[in-house]
């Protein structure tokens, strides 16, 4: 592992010599490489899908794992979109002259070597590799074992493009030891690795955060809520709630708990149940919900669970304060939404809820780099420092100060 990471660290210096135009050209070649190898990717993915079936992976995980022609084309398009972004490296963020006559520049630079730990979705391999390359960072990837064949096939295609351009394959690589022990080594290699980004379940995030000596930006669980206020547009509320849960239940920005104001619960819950029953959603609720509609009982453990499946908790709360109290207790800082036509209530919710993305009258499903106009993202950061929310190429840079003098000394 140390020799592997040392090679990655050495390769990071080479990236600093590549111009923005060169990076764009190489990324476009990577996108075409995915298209040219579509069948090879599908064949590799078929091995993972078969193993997933034999391992009884959930339907949501199998959906995230699948690669077909449409998804491979989407991966290629995502790389092209990243290629088209403005180069984030070398930008002068600020400049000034001090009293001593020093000319100061605050300039963006890459972070260096970034280790990314993720599960299930093979497209994360190409997305994160392209984002890191665009921002002049080396990426060291550790995907889930359920997608091993797919990830290896994607990485090889991207590495072949690097090699064809006389660049080291170490700029984009999968860690050689994908075991738990290998991950534990990776997250302690602060001599060679500058940042770790874990994307996955609560157990993975907790383990990495507690054991890493490398700096960590967390892609924590998506414990997302939608609160339907007494002043909500009823039709919009139902439409948004259905979208937030059902459109793609197995992703981190899907709603896991629906909060309903007690003053409209008798009116809204039967309508919501009818809509969710039509979408085959399994519903759980607190005792106040159960007194109105027939659902399973929701426990505190349920409210703290990221289902990543078509399962939804419902809770009746007393006004926006009750909704905020519940979110403070169970939210993960990812995405929260309020449905209301009352601007005062909306602003109270926006200001009081501490999350990376807070919505008024819209689905939490929009928390995504593409939907925000950033292109693909390396993750949805629930950190408060360095990067927060969809973490695109801007979040993969830091800065340094360049100081120009003409003989100044400090007295």
Foldseek 3Di string as FASTA:
>chain_A
DVVLLVVLQVLLVVLVVDDLVRLLVLLLQLLVLLVVCVVVLQVLLVVLLVVCVVVVPDPLLSVQSDDHNVVSNVLSVLSNVLSPDDQQFFDFPDWDADPLGKTKTKTKAFLEEEEEEEERHLSLLSNVLSQCSSNSYQYEYAYHPSNVSSNVVSLVSSLVSCVVVVGHSRSRYYDPDNDPVSVLVVQAPVVRHAEYEYYDAQVVQVVSVVRGPHHYFYQYAQAEEEEEAPAFPLVLVLVQLCCLCQVQPQDRLRHAEYEYEPVCLLPRLVVNVVSLVVSVAQEEEDPSNCVRDPHHHDDPVSSQDSPSDRYHYYYYAHGLVRVLVSCVVRPLQAEYEYGHPDVVSQVVNVVSHRHLYYYYSHHSVCQACVSVVNRHASHAGSDPPQDHTGHGSNSSIDIDMDIDDDDDDDD
